[in-house]
Structure formats: structure tokens, C-alpha cells
């Protein structure tokens, strides 16, 4: 169905978010962000990236894992030797959906990393993830999509120790090159036609995913 036709795009979102989180881990490990003067003569620095393939329930994704010169960086999100990445797919979809607060994203990351990591690490990773999510939500769209699909994906989300079903509404467009793109995602407690009416009636915001309704 339509939702699974967008699997490739959702995998791209997984790649982007995981890599942002790993960059946050590296920042926490070194104590300074990329290109910061604090890293000059610090004794350790970023040293490129290595490729790694992880597999979740929606298929495999190749990610870039950052390295440091002293080879002391041990990723926690995707540990060395880890290939399976189960249980994170639905959380990534939810994090990209509009309406999720910084606190909710932080709660998701705490569950993923477990309570054993420091609050500073969670805070650093959250900052990077939020930047990635906002960049995707505000990216410009093409002027024309000849085909537009509207559908919803039911996912199970764990928040504050409780698991609940949420409907993730997907707007999927086919561009002039014939490539499917996920134009927008919205989270709701239930699936229904009234929700779509609210989405397509939102005020126009050129340059954001909400602008897609002009294409209908």
C-alpha cells in the first residue's frame, strides 16, 4: 500500500536522525562541537567517518559513524558490532511528525539510550536531533507534484512507560522525475478524514511541509 511505498524515504529519515544522534555523542565525548576553537590542541579531534549497515524492521540502512583520532569513541546508540536496530523505526517516524515537543523527543531518546547514560549526553544528542527534525520540517518543496497520496500509518509508541497506538499521517508526493517523496508527517491519536481536513486547511507557510496543500 501507499505507506510501504514510502519505506525508502523513511529509511533516509532514519539515516539522517541516527547520524545526527551519533554526532551528538561525539560532541559529548570530545567536549566541543565540530569546528569549535576549543578543539585546537586538545589532544583529540574528529577523524572522519566509517560506514556501517544497520537493519531494522523496514530494511537496511547504511550510516556514517564518526571516529576520533585516539580511537576512544564508543557509540552508545549503535554499539560496535551491533547490526540489528529494532524498535527505533517507529520512534523516528514519530519524532519527525509535527507537534512533538522537545521534551517528548528527549523522552524518546532517554528510552532508547536507557536511564544509565548521563543527562548531559541526552541533552547534547537532543539538541542535534531537534535541529535535524526542524530542518526536515522546514525544507522547501518542489513547485509541482503531479501525484499526491494521503494515507496514515499505525505505529506503537512508548512514552513515559506506556505503550499506545498513534496514527502517523503521511503526505507522499511523486515529483516530475517520478521519485516518491514524503512531504509531511503529522501525529494524531486516531485516524480519520477530519484530521486531513485540518491539515489541508492550515495557513500557508511557503518553504515548509505544510505548504504542500496548495498542490492538491
N, C-alpha and C. Protein backbone atom coordinates (compact mmCIF):
# COMPACT_ATOMS: atom_id res chain seq x y z
N UNK A 1 0.84 -1.19 0.00
CA UNK A 1 0.00 0.00 0.00
C UNK A 1 0.87 1.24 0.00
N UNK A 2 0.24 2.38 0.07
CA UNK A 2 0.92 3.66 -0.06
C UNK A 2 1.99 3.82 0.99
N UNK A 3 1.69 3.46 2.22
CA UNK A 3 2.65 3.68 3.30
C UNK A 3 3.97 2.97 3.01
N UNK A 4 3.88 1.73 2.53
CA UNK A 4 5.10 0.98 2.30
C UNK A 4 5.83 1.47 1.06
N UNK A 5 5.15 2.18 0.16
CA UNK A 5 5.82 2.76 -0.99
C UNK A 5 6.80 3.83 -0.54
N UNK A 6 6.59 4.39 0.65
CA UNK A 6 7.46 5.44 1.17
C UNK A 6 8.57 4.89 2.04
N UNK A 7 8.71 3.57 2.11
CA UNK A 7 9.69 2.97 3.01
C UNK A 7 11.09 3.50 2.76
N UNK A 8 11.47 3.63 1.49
CA UNK A 8 12.81 4.13 1.17
C UNK A 8 13.06 5.50 1.74
N UNK A 9 12.05 6.37 1.67
CA UNK A 9 12.19 7.72 2.21
C UNK A 9 12.26 7.69 3.74
N UNK A 10 11.50 6.82 4.35
CA UNK A 10 11.54 6.72 5.80
C UNK A 10 12.90 6.19 6.27
N UNK A 11 13.50 5.33 5.45
CA UNK A 11 14.85 4.86 5.78
C UNK A 11 15.85 6.01 5.71
N UNK A 12 15.65 6.93 4.77
CA UNK A 12 16.52 8.09 4.68
C UNK A 12 16.40 8.96 5.93
N UNK A 13 15.17 9.07 6.46
CA UNK A 13 14.98 9.83 7.68
C UNK A 13 15.67 9.14 8.85
N UNK A 14 15.59 7.80 8.89
CA UNK A 14 16.28 7.04 9.93
C UNK A 14 17.78 7.30 9.87
N UNK A 15 18.34 7.25 8.68
CA UNK A 15 19.78 7.51 8.49
C UNK A 15 20.15 8.90 9.00
N UNK A 16 19.37 9.91 8.61
CA UNK A 16 19.68 11.28 8.99
C UNK A 16 19.62 11.47 10.50
N UNK A 17 18.59 10.89 11.13
CA UNK A 17 18.42 11.09 12.57
C UNK A 17 19.46 10.32 13.36
N UNK A 18 19.77 9.09 12.96
CA UNK A 18 20.77 8.30 13.67
C UNK A 18 22.13 8.98 13.57
N UNK A 19 22.47 9.48 12.37
CA UNK A 19 23.77 10.13 12.21
C UNK A 19 23.86 11.41 13.03
N UNK A 20 22.77 12.16 13.13
CA UNK A 20 22.77 13.36 13.98
C UNK A 20 22.98 12.98 15.44
N UNK A 21 22.32 11.91 15.87
CA UNK A 21 22.48 11.47 17.25
C UNK A 21 23.92 11.04 17.54
N UNK A 22 24.53 10.33 16.59
CA UNK A 22 25.92 9.90 16.77
C UNK A 22 26.87 11.09 16.80
N UNK A 23 26.57 12.12 16.00
CA UNK A 23 27.38 13.34 16.05
C UNK A 23 27.25 14.01 17.42
N UNK A 24 26.04 13.95 17.99
CA UNK A 24 25.84 14.47 19.33
C UNK A 24 26.66 13.70 20.36
N UNK A 25 26.70 12.39 20.19
CA UNK A 25 27.52 11.57 21.08
C UNK A 25 28.99 11.95 20.98
N UNK A 26 29.46 12.18 19.75
CA UNK A 26 30.86 12.55 19.55
C UNK A 26 31.16 13.91 20.20
N UNK A 27 30.23 14.85 20.06
CA UNK A 27 30.40 16.16 20.69
C UNK A 27 30.52 16.01 22.20
N UNK A 28 29.67 15.14 22.77
CA UNK A 28 29.72 14.89 24.21
C UNK A 28 31.04 14.23 24.59
N UNK A 29 31.51 13.31 23.77
CA UNK A 29 32.75 12.58 24.04
C UNK A 29 33.96 13.52 24.03
N UNK A 30 34.03 14.41 23.03
CA UNK A 30 35.18 15.31 22.89
C UNK A 30 35.06 16.55 23.78
N UNK A 31 33.80 16.96 24.03
CA UNK A 31 33.60 18.15 24.85
C UNK A 31 33.46 19.43 24.07
N UNK A 32 33.42 19.35 22.74
CA UNK A 32 33.23 20.56 21.93
C UNK A 32 32.59 20.17 20.59
N UNK A 33 31.80 21.08 20.00
CA UNK A 33 31.13 20.79 18.72
C UNK A 33 32.09 20.87 17.54
N UNK A 34 31.67 20.42 16.36
CA UNK A 34 32.53 20.48 15.18
C UNK A 34 33.00 21.90 14.88
N UNK A 35 34.25 22.03 14.47
CA UNK A 35 34.85 23.29 14.03
C UNK A 35 34.97 24.32 15.16
N UNK A 36 34.83 23.90 16.40
CA UNK A 36 34.96 24.82 17.52
C UNK A 36 36.43 25.01 17.87
N UNK A 37 36.79 26.25 18.21
CA UNK A 37 38.18 26.56 18.55
C UNK A 37 38.64 25.81 19.79
N UNK A 38 37.69 25.35 20.60
CA UNK A 38 38.04 24.61 21.82
C UNK A 38 38.77 23.32 21.49
N UNK A 39 38.65 22.85 20.25
CA UNK A 39 39.30 21.61 19.87
C UNK A 39 40.75 21.77 19.47
N UNK A 40 41.21 23.02 19.28
CA UNK A 40 42.59 23.25 18.88
C UNK A 40 43.55 22.80 19.98
N UNK A 41 44.48 21.94 19.60
CA UNK A 41 45.49 21.44 20.54
C UNK A 41 44.87 20.76 21.76
N UNK A 42 43.71 20.16 21.56
CA UNK A 42 43.04 19.49 22.68
C UNK A 42 43.57 18.09 22.93
N UNK A 43 44.32 17.57 21.98
CA UNK A 43 44.85 16.22 22.12
C UNK A 43 43.99 15.16 21.46
N UNK A 44 42.77 15.54 21.10
CA UNK A 44 41.90 14.60 20.40
C UNK A 44 40.94 15.40 19.52
N UNK A 45 40.52 14.82 18.42
CA UNK A 45 39.63 15.51 17.48
C UNK A 45 38.90 14.50 16.62
N UNK A 46 37.96 14.99 15.85
CA UNK A 46 37.24 14.13 14.91
C UNK A 46 38.20 13.64 13.83
N UNK A 47 37.96 12.43 13.38
CA UNK A 47 38.88 11.81 12.42
C UNK A 47 38.11 11.05 11.35
N UNK A 48 37.21 11.76 10.66
CA UNK A 48 36.45 11.14 9.59
C UNK A 48 35.33 10.24 10.08
N UNK A 49 34.87 9.38 9.17
CA UNK A 49 33.75 8.50 9.49
C UNK A 49 33.95 7.14 8.85
N UNK A 50 33.28 6.15 9.41
CA UNK A 50 33.31 4.80 8.85
C UNK A 50 31.88 4.39 8.49
N UNK A 51 31.75 3.54 7.49
CA UNK A 51 30.45 3.05 7.03
C UNK A 51 29.99 1.87 7.87
N UNK A 52 28.70 1.81 8.10
CA UNK A 52 28.13 0.67 8.82
C UNK A 52 26.70 0.47 8.36
N UNK A 53 26.29 -0.77 8.20
CA UNK A 53 24.92 -1.09 7.81
C UNK A 53 24.16 -1.64 9.00
N UNK A 54 23.01 -1.02 9.28
CA UNK A 54 22.15 -1.49 10.36
C UNK A 54 20.82 -1.93 9.76
N UNK A 55 20.17 -2.89 10.39
CA UNK A 55 18.94 -3.46 9.87
C UNK A 55 17.82 -3.34 10.90
N UNK A 56 16.72 -2.74 10.47
CA UNK A 56 15.52 -2.64 11.30
C UNK A 56 14.38 -3.35 10.61
N UNK A 57 13.18 -3.16 11.13
CA UNK A 57 12.04 -3.89 10.56
C UNK A 57 11.62 -3.35 9.21
N UNK A 58 12.14 -2.16 8.81
CA UNK A 58 11.84 -1.62 7.49
C UNK A 58 13.02 -1.75 6.53
N UNK A 59 13.94 -2.66 6.84
CA UNK A 59 15.04 -2.90 5.93
C UNK A 59 16.36 -2.38 6.46
N UNK A 60 17.37 -2.37 5.59
CA UNK A 60 18.73 -1.99 5.97
C UNK A 60 19.03 -0.54 5.59
N UNK A 61 19.86 0.09 6.41
CA UNK A 61 20.27 1.47 6.20
C UNK A 61 21.78 1.56 6.43
N UNK A 62 22.48 2.20 5.50
CA UNK A 62 23.91 2.43 5.68
C UNK A 62 24.12 3.78 6.34
N UNK A 63 24.85 3.80 7.45
CA UNK A 63 25.08 5.04 8.19
C UNK A 63 26.57 5.34 8.25
N UNK A 64 26.89 6.61 8.49
CA UNK A 64 28.27 7.06 8.71
C UNK A 64 28.48 7.24 10.20
N UNK A 65 29.44 6.52 10.76
CA UNK A 65 29.73 6.58 12.18
C UNK A 65 30.99 7.42 12.39
N UNK A 66 30.94 8.51 13.17
CA UNK A 66 32.12 9.35 13.38
C UNK A 66 33.20 8.64 14.16
N UNK A 67 34.47 9.03 13.90
CA UNK A 67 35.62 8.48 14.61
C UNK A 67 36.42 9.62 15.24
N UNK A 68 37.19 9.30 16.26
CA UNK A 68 38.12 10.27 16.84
C UNK A 68 39.54 9.75 16.67
N UNK A 69 40.51 10.65 16.74
CA UNK A 69 41.90 10.29 16.47
C UNK A 69 42.46 9.31 17.48
N UNK A 70 42.00 9.39 18.71
CA UNK A 70 42.51 8.47 19.73
C UNK A 70 41.77 7.14 19.75
N UNK A 71 40.77 6.98 18.86
CA UNK A 71 40.01 5.73 18.75
C UNK A 71 39.35 5.34 20.07
N UNK A 72 38.97 6.34 20.86
CA UNK A 72 38.34 6.04 22.14
C UNK A 72 36.83 6.22 22.13
N UNK A 73 36.29 6.65 20.99
CA UNK A 73 34.84 6.88 20.91
C UNK A 73 34.09 5.57 20.77
N UNK A 74 33.19 5.31 21.70
CA UNK A 74 32.37 4.09 21.69
C UNK A 74 30.91 4.51 21.59
N UNK A 75 30.30 4.45 20.39
CA UNK A 75 28.89 4.86 20.25
C UNK A 75 27.98 4.04 21.15
N UNK A 76 26.99 4.69 21.71
CA UNK A 76 26.03 4.01 22.58
C UNK A 76 24.74 3.69 21.85
N UNK A 77 24.37 4.56 20.89
CA UNK A 77 23.13 4.33 20.16
C UNK A 77 23.24 3.09 19.28
N UNK A 78 24.33 3.00 18.54
CA UNK A 78 24.62 1.83 17.71
C UNK A 78 26.00 1.35 18.12
N UNK A 79 26.03 0.37 18.97
CA UNK A 79 27.30 -0.09 19.55
C UNK A 79 28.16 -0.81 18.51
N UNK A 80 29.45 -0.88 18.79
CA UNK A 80 30.35 -1.61 17.90
C UNK A 80 29.91 -3.07 17.79
N UNK A 81 29.85 -3.56 16.57
CA UNK A 81 29.41 -4.93 16.33
C UNK A 81 27.92 -5.09 16.22
N UNK A 82 27.15 -4.07 16.59
CA UNK A 82 25.69 -4.16 16.52
C UNK A 82 25.21 -3.98 15.08
N UNK A 83 24.35 -4.85 14.63
CA UNK A 83 23.81 -4.77 13.27
C UNK A 83 22.28 -4.61 13.27
N UNK A 84 21.63 -5.18 14.27
CA UNK A 84 20.17 -5.05 14.37
C UNK A 84 19.83 -3.74 15.05
N UNK A 85 18.79 -3.10 14.57
CA UNK A 85 18.38 -1.81 15.12
C UNK A 85 16.87 -1.81 15.28
N UNK A 86 16.36 -2.80 15.99
CA UNK A 86 14.92 -2.98 16.15
C UNK A 86 14.36 -1.99 17.18
N UNK A 87 13.10 -1.66 17.00
CA UNK A 87 12.42 -0.87 18.00
C UNK A 87 12.60 0.63 17.88
N UNK A 88 13.43 1.10 16.94
CA UNK A 88 13.68 2.52 16.82
C UNK A 88 12.92 3.14 15.65
N UNK A 89 12.49 2.33 14.69
CA UNK A 89 11.86 2.85 13.48
C UNK A 89 10.65 3.73 13.77
N UNK A 90 9.73 3.21 14.57
CA UNK A 90 8.51 3.95 14.85
C UNK A 90 8.77 5.23 15.64
N UNK A 91 9.76 5.20 16.51
CA UNK A 91 10.10 6.41 17.27
C UNK A 91 10.64 7.49 16.34
N UNK A 92 11.41 7.10 15.33
CA UNK A 92 11.94 8.07 14.37
C UNK A 92 10.79 8.70 13.59
N UNK A 93 9.84 7.88 13.15
CA UNK A 93 8.69 8.41 12.43
C UNK A 93 7.95 9.41 13.30
N UNK A 94 7.78 9.05 14.56
CA UNK A 94 7.06 9.94 15.48
C UNK A 94 7.82 11.24 15.71
N UNK A 95 9.14 11.16 15.82
CA UNK A 95 9.93 12.37 16.08
C UNK A 95 9.88 13.34 14.91
N UNK A 96 9.78 12.83 13.69
CA UNK A 96 9.69 13.71 12.53
C UNK A 96 8.29 14.29 12.35
N UNK A 97 7.30 13.67 12.95
CA UNK A 97 5.93 14.17 12.81
C UNK A 97 5.79 15.50 13.52
N UNK A 98 4.97 16.37 12.96
CA UNK A 98 4.79 17.69 13.55
C UNK A 98 4.11 17.58 14.91
N UNK A 99 4.36 18.54 15.77
CA UNK A 99 3.67 18.60 17.03
C UNK A 99 4.40 17.94 18.19
N UNK A 100 5.53 17.26 17.93
CA UNK A 100 6.26 16.64 19.03
C UNK A 100 7.16 17.68 19.68
N UNK A 101 7.03 17.85 20.97
CA UNK A 101 7.79 18.85 21.70
C UNK A 101 9.22 18.38 21.95
N UNK A 102 10.09 19.33 22.33
CA UNK A 102 11.47 18.99 22.68
C UNK A 102 11.49 17.99 23.83
N UNK A 103 10.58 18.17 24.78
CA UNK A 103 10.53 17.27 25.94
C UNK A 103 10.15 15.86 25.51
N UNK A 104 9.23 15.73 24.56
CA UNK A 104 8.83 14.40 24.09
C UNK A 104 9.96 13.72 23.32
N UNK A 105 10.68 14.49 22.51
CA UNK A 105 11.83 13.94 21.80
C UNK A 105 12.89 13.48 22.80
N UNK A 106 13.12 14.29 23.82
CA UNK A 106 14.09 13.92 24.84
C UNK A 106 13.65 12.64 25.56
N UNK A 107 12.35 12.50 25.83
CA UNK A 107 11.85 11.29 26.48
C UNK A 107 12.08 10.07 25.60
N UNK A 108 11.85 10.21 24.27
CA UNK A 108 12.11 9.11 23.34
C UNK A 108 13.58 8.69 23.42
N UNK A 109 14.47 9.67 23.40
CA UNK A 109 15.90 9.37 23.41
C UNK A 109 16.33 8.73 24.73
N UNK A 110 15.75 9.14 25.81
CA UNK A 110 16.06 8.53 27.10
C UNK A 110 15.68 7.06 27.12
N UNK A 111 14.54 6.72 26.50
CA UNK A 111 14.13 5.32 26.43
C UNK A 111 15.06 4.52 25.53
N UNK A 112 15.51 5.15 24.45
CA UNK A 112 16.40 4.47 23.51
C UNK A 112 17.76 4.21 24.15
N UNK A 113 18.29 5.23 24.83
CA UNK A 113 19.62 5.11 25.42
C UNK A 113 19.60 4.41 26.78
N UNK A 114 18.45 4.35 27.40
CA UNK A 114 18.25 3.81 28.75
C UNK A 114 18.66 4.87 29.78
N UNK A 115 18.27 4.65 31.03
CA UNK A 115 18.49 5.65 32.09
C UNK A 115 19.93 5.65 32.58
N UNK A 116 20.78 4.78 32.06
CA UNK A 116 22.14 4.67 32.57
C UNK A 116 23.06 5.76 32.05
N UNK A 117 22.73 6.43 30.96
CA UNK A 117 23.60 7.46 30.41
C UNK A 117 23.33 8.77 31.14
N UNK A 118 24.28 9.70 31.01
CA UNK A 118 24.18 10.95 31.75
C UNK A 118 23.15 11.88 31.12
N UNK A 119 22.53 12.74 31.94
CA UNK A 119 21.59 13.73 31.40
C UNK A 119 22.26 14.67 30.40
N UNK A 120 23.56 14.96 30.59
CA UNK A 120 24.27 15.84 29.65
C UNK A 120 24.34 15.22 28.26
N UNK A 121 24.55 13.90 28.20
CA UNK A 121 24.59 13.24 26.89
C UNK A 121 23.24 13.34 26.22
N UNK A 122 22.17 13.05 26.94
CA UNK A 122 20.82 13.12 26.37
C UNK A 122 20.53 14.54 25.88
N UNK A 123 20.94 15.54 26.66
CA UNK A 123 20.70 16.93 26.28
C UNK A 123 21.44 17.28 25.00
N UNK A 124 22.71 16.86 24.89
CA UNK A 124 23.51 17.15 23.71
C UNK A 124 22.94 16.47 22.47
N UNK A 125 22.57 15.20 22.60
CA UNK A 125 22.00 14.47 21.47
C UNK A 125 20.66 15.06 21.08
N UNK A 126 19.84 15.44 22.07
CA UNK A 126 18.54 16.04 21.78
C UNK A 126 18.67 17.30 20.96
N UNK A 127 19.65 18.15 21.31
CA UNK A 127 19.86 19.40 20.56
C UNK A 127 20.12 19.11 19.09
N UNK A 128 20.98 18.12 18.81
CA UNK A 128 21.29 17.78 17.43
C UNK A 128 20.11 17.19 16.70
N UNK A 129 19.37 16.31 17.38
CA UNK A 129 18.21 15.66 16.76
C UNK A 129 17.13 16.69 16.44
N UNK A 130 16.88 17.62 17.37
CA UNK A 130 15.87 18.65 17.13
C UNK A 130 16.24 19.50 15.93
N UNK A 131 17.53 19.84 15.79
CA UNK A 131 17.97 20.61 14.62
C UNK A 131 17.67 19.85 13.33
N UNK A 132 17.92 18.54 13.35
CA UNK A 132 17.67 17.71 12.16
C UNK A 132 16.19 17.66 11.85
N UNK A 133 15.36 17.46 12.86
CA UNK A 133 13.91 17.37 12.67
C UNK A 133 13.37 18.68 12.12
N UNK A 134 13.79 19.80 12.70
CA UNK A 134 13.29 21.10 12.25
C UNK A 134 13.75 21.42 10.84
N UNK A 135 14.98 21.04 10.50
CA UNK A 135 15.48 21.27 9.14
C UNK A 135 14.63 20.51 8.13
N UNK A 136 14.26 19.26 8.47
CA UNK A 136 13.44 18.48 7.54
C UNK A 136 12.04 19.07 7.43
N UNK A 137 11.46 19.49 8.56
CA UNK A 137 10.11 20.02 8.54
C UNK A 137 10.01 21.33 7.78
N UNK A 138 11.08 22.12 7.75
CA UNK A 138 11.02 23.44 7.12
C UNK A 138 11.67 23.48 5.74
N UNK A 139 12.06 22.30 5.22
CA UNK A 139 12.74 22.28 3.92
C UNK A 139 11.79 22.73 2.82
N UNK A 140 12.29 23.37 1.76
CA UNK A 140 11.43 23.77 0.65
C UNK A 140 10.97 22.57 -0.16
N UNK A 141 9.76 22.65 -0.68
CA UNK A 141 9.22 21.59 -1.52
C UNK A 141 9.26 22.03 -2.97
N UNK A 142 9.12 21.06 -3.89
CA UNK A 142 9.03 21.39 -5.31
C UNK A 142 7.77 22.19 -5.58
N UNK A 143 7.77 22.91 -6.68
CA UNK A 143 6.60 23.71 -7.05
C UNK A 143 5.44 22.84 -7.52
N UNK A 144 5.73 21.63 -8.01
CA UNK A 144 4.69 20.78 -8.57
C UNK A 144 4.95 19.32 -8.27
N UNK A 145 3.92 18.63 -7.79
CA UNK A 145 3.91 17.18 -7.63
C UNK A 145 2.69 16.66 -8.38
N UNK A 146 2.87 16.01 -9.53
CA UNK A 146 1.72 15.55 -10.32
C UNK A 146 0.81 14.58 -9.57
N UNK A 147 1.38 13.79 -8.65
CA UNK A 147 0.60 12.80 -7.91
C UNK A 147 0.81 13.03 -6.42
N UNK A 148 -0.27 12.99 -5.67
CA UNK A 148 -0.21 13.18 -4.23
C UNK A 148 -1.03 12.10 -3.54
N UNK A 149 -0.40 11.37 -2.62
CA UNK A 149 -1.08 10.35 -1.83
C UNK A 149 -1.23 10.84 -0.40
N UNK A 150 -2.38 10.58 0.20
CA UNK A 150 -2.63 10.88 1.60
C UNK A 150 -3.02 9.58 2.30
N UNK A 151 -2.28 9.21 3.32
CA UNK A 151 -2.56 7.95 4.00
C UNK A 151 -2.07 8.05 5.44
N UNK A 152 -2.31 7.03 6.23
CA UNK A 152 -1.88 7.02 7.62
C UNK A 152 -1.25 5.68 7.96
N UNK A 153 -0.27 5.73 8.85
CA UNK A 153 0.46 4.56 9.29
C UNK A 153 0.25 4.41 10.80
N UNK A 154 -0.22 3.24 11.24
CA UNK A 154 -0.43 3.00 12.66
C UNK A 154 0.87 2.49 13.29
N UNK A 155 1.35 3.18 14.32
CA UNK A 155 2.58 2.76 14.99
C UNK A 155 2.33 2.69 16.50
N UNK A 156 3.13 1.87 17.17
CA UNK A 156 3.07 1.77 18.63
C UNK A 156 4.20 2.63 19.20
N UNK A 157 3.85 3.58 20.06
CA UNK A 157 4.82 4.50 20.63
C UNK A 157 4.87 4.31 22.14
N UNK A 158 6.08 4.16 22.67
CA UNK A 158 6.25 4.06 24.11
C UNK A 158 6.67 5.42 24.65
N UNK A 159 5.90 5.97 25.57
CA UNK A 159 6.21 7.26 26.17
C UNK A 159 5.85 7.22 27.64
N UNK A 160 6.80 7.62 28.47
CA UNK A 160 6.59 7.65 29.92
C UNK A 160 6.14 6.29 30.45
N UNK A 161 6.74 5.25 29.91
CA UNK A 161 6.47 3.90 30.38
C UNK A 161 5.21 3.26 29.86
N UNK A 162 4.46 3.97 29.02
CA UNK A 162 3.21 3.44 28.48
C UNK A 162 3.32 3.29 26.97
N UNK A 163 2.74 2.21 26.45
CA UNK A 163 2.71 1.99 25.00
C UNK A 163 1.31 2.30 24.49
N UNK A 164 1.24 3.13 23.46
CA UNK A 164 -0.05 3.50 22.88
C UNK A 164 0.05 3.51 21.36
N UNK A 165 -1.09 3.34 20.72
CA UNK A 165 -1.15 3.41 19.26
C UNK A 165 -1.33 4.85 18.82
N UNK A 166 -0.60 5.24 17.80
CA UNK A 166 -0.75 6.57 17.22
C UNK A 166 -0.88 6.44 15.72
N UNK A 167 -1.65 7.34 15.14
CA UNK A 167 -1.76 7.41 13.68
C UNK A 167 -0.78 8.45 13.18
N UNK A 168 0.16 8.05 12.32
CA UNK A 168 1.08 8.98 11.69
C UNK A 168 0.58 9.22 10.27
N UNK A 169 0.07 10.42 10.04
CA UNK A 169 -0.46 10.77 8.73
C UNK A 169 0.69 11.12 7.79
N UNK A 170 0.65 10.56 6.59
CA UNK A 170 1.71 10.76 5.61
C UNK A 170 1.16 11.43 4.36
N UNK A 171 1.84 12.48 3.92
CA UNK A 171 1.57 13.08 2.62
C UNK A 171 2.74 12.72 1.72
N UNK A 172 2.47 11.93 0.69
CA UNK A 172 3.52 11.42 -0.20
C UNK A 172 3.29 11.97 -1.60
N UNK A 173 4.29 12.65 -2.14
CA UNK A 173 4.18 13.20 -3.48
C UNK A 173 5.11 12.49 -4.45
N UNK A 174 4.73 12.47 -5.72
CA UNK A 174 5.59 11.97 -6.79
C UNK A 174 6.03 13.17 -7.59
N UNK A 175 7.34 13.44 -7.64
CA UNK A 175 7.81 14.63 -8.34
C UNK A 175 7.89 14.40 -9.84
N UNK A 176 8.35 15.40 -10.56
CA UNK A 176 8.38 15.33 -12.03
C UNK A 176 9.39 14.31 -12.54
N UNK A 177 10.31 13.89 -11.68
CA UNK A 177 11.27 12.84 -12.07
C UNK A 177 10.75 11.44 -11.75
N UNK A 178 9.54 11.37 -11.18
CA UNK A 178 8.94 10.08 -10.86
C UNK A 178 9.38 9.51 -9.53
N UNK A 179 10.04 10.32 -8.70
CA UNK A 179 10.51 9.86 -7.39
C UNK A 179 9.51 10.20 -6.30
N UNK A 180 9.23 9.23 -5.43
CA UNK A 180 8.32 9.47 -4.31
C UNK A 180 9.04 10.23 -3.20
N UNK A 181 8.37 11.20 -2.62
CA UNK A 181 8.91 11.96 -1.50
C UNK A 181 7.88 12.03 -0.38
N UNK A 182 8.35 11.90 0.85
CA UNK A 182 7.47 12.14 1.99
C UNK A 182 7.42 13.64 2.20
N UNK A 183 6.27 14.26 1.92
CA UNK A 183 6.15 15.71 2.00
C UNK A 183 5.88 16.19 3.42
N UNK A 184 5.19 15.37 4.20
CA UNK A 184 4.90 15.78 5.56
C UNK A 184 4.38 14.62 6.38
N UNK A 185 4.54 14.74 7.70
CA UNK A 185 4.03 13.73 8.63
C UNK A 185 3.43 14.45 9.83
N UNK A 186 2.31 13.94 10.30
CA UNK A 186 1.62 14.51 11.45
C UNK A 186 1.17 13.36 12.36
N UNK A 187 1.27 13.57 13.66
CA UNK A 187 0.88 12.55 14.62
C UNK A 187 -0.49 12.88 15.21
N UNK A 188 -1.30 11.85 15.39
CA UNK A 188 -2.62 12.01 16.00
C UNK A 188 -2.97 10.74 16.76
N UNK A 189 -3.90 10.87 17.70
CA UNK A 189 -4.31 9.71 18.48
C UNK A 189 -5.12 8.73 17.65
N UNK A 190 -5.89 9.24 16.69
CA UNK A 190 -6.76 8.39 15.89
C UNK A 190 -6.67 8.76 14.42
N UNK A 191 -7.08 7.82 13.57
CA UNK A 191 -7.09 8.04 12.14
C UNK A 191 -8.50 8.43 11.71
N UNK A 192 -8.61 9.49 10.90
CA UNK A 192 -9.92 9.91 10.42
C UNK A 192 -9.82 11.00 9.38
N UNK A 193 -10.87 11.14 8.58
CA UNK A 193 -10.89 12.12 7.49
C UNK A 193 -10.86 13.55 8.02
N UNK A 194 -11.41 13.78 9.22
CA UNK A 194 -11.45 15.13 9.77
C UNK A 194 -10.05 15.68 10.02
N UNK A 195 -9.14 14.79 10.35
CA UNK A 195 -7.77 15.25 10.59
C UNK A 195 -7.17 15.83 9.31
N UNK A 196 -7.39 15.15 8.18
CA UNK A 196 -6.85 15.64 6.91
C UNK A 196 -7.47 16.99 6.55
N UNK A 197 -8.73 17.18 6.88
CA UNK A 197 -9.37 18.46 6.61
C UNK A 197 -8.64 19.58 7.34
N UNK A 198 -8.23 19.30 8.59
CA UNK A 198 -7.49 20.30 9.34
C UNK A 198 -6.12 20.56 8.75
N UNK A 199 -5.46 19.51 8.24
CA UNK A 199 -4.12 19.67 7.66
C UNK A 199 -4.16 20.53 6.40
N UNK A 200 -5.08 20.21 5.48
CA UNK A 200 -5.11 20.94 4.22
C UNK A 200 -5.72 22.32 4.37
N UNK A 201 -6.31 22.62 5.53
CA UNK A 201 -6.87 23.94 5.78
C UNK A 201 -5.93 24.84 6.57
N UNK A 202 -4.73 24.33 6.90
CA UNK A 202 -3.78 25.13 7.67
C UNK A 202 -3.34 26.35 6.85
N UNK A 203 -2.96 27.45 7.54
CA UNK A 203 -2.41 28.61 6.82
C UNK A 203 -1.18 28.21 6.02
N UNK A 204 -1.01 28.84 4.87
CA UNK A 204 0.12 28.50 4.01
C UNK A 204 1.41 29.02 4.63
N UNK A 205 2.45 28.18 4.55
CA UNK A 205 3.77 28.57 5.00
C UNK A 205 4.76 28.16 3.93
N UNK A 206 5.01 29.00 2.94
CA UNK A 206 5.97 28.64 1.90
C UNK A 206 7.31 28.24 2.50
N UNK A 207 7.91 27.18 1.95
CA UNK A 207 9.17 26.70 2.47
C UNK A 207 9.03 25.69 3.58
N UNK A 208 7.81 25.29 3.93
CA UNK A 208 7.64 24.28 4.96
C UNK A 208 6.77 23.16 4.43
N UNK A 209 6.71 22.03 5.18
CA UNK A 209 5.96 20.88 4.71
C UNK A 209 4.46 21.18 4.70
N UNK A 210 4.00 22.18 5.45
CA UNK A 210 2.56 22.49 5.47
C UNK A 210 2.12 23.14 4.16
N UNK A 211 3.07 23.60 3.37
CA UNK A 211 2.77 24.29 2.12
C UNK A 211 2.29 23.33 1.05
N UNK A 212 2.38 22.01 1.31
CA UNK A 212 2.06 21.03 0.27
C UNK A 212 0.60 21.10 -0.16
N UNK A 213 -0.31 21.62 0.70
CA UNK A 213 -1.72 21.53 0.38
C UNK A 213 -2.09 22.36 -0.84
N UNK A 214 -1.24 23.32 -1.22
CA UNK A 214 -1.51 24.09 -2.44
C UNK A 214 -1.39 23.22 -3.70
N UNK A 215 -0.74 22.05 -3.52
CA UNK A 215 -0.51 21.18 -4.66
C UNK A 215 -1.69 20.26 -4.92
N UNK A 216 -2.65 20.22 -3.98
CA UNK A 216 -3.77 19.29 -4.11
C UNK A 216 -4.70 19.71 -5.26
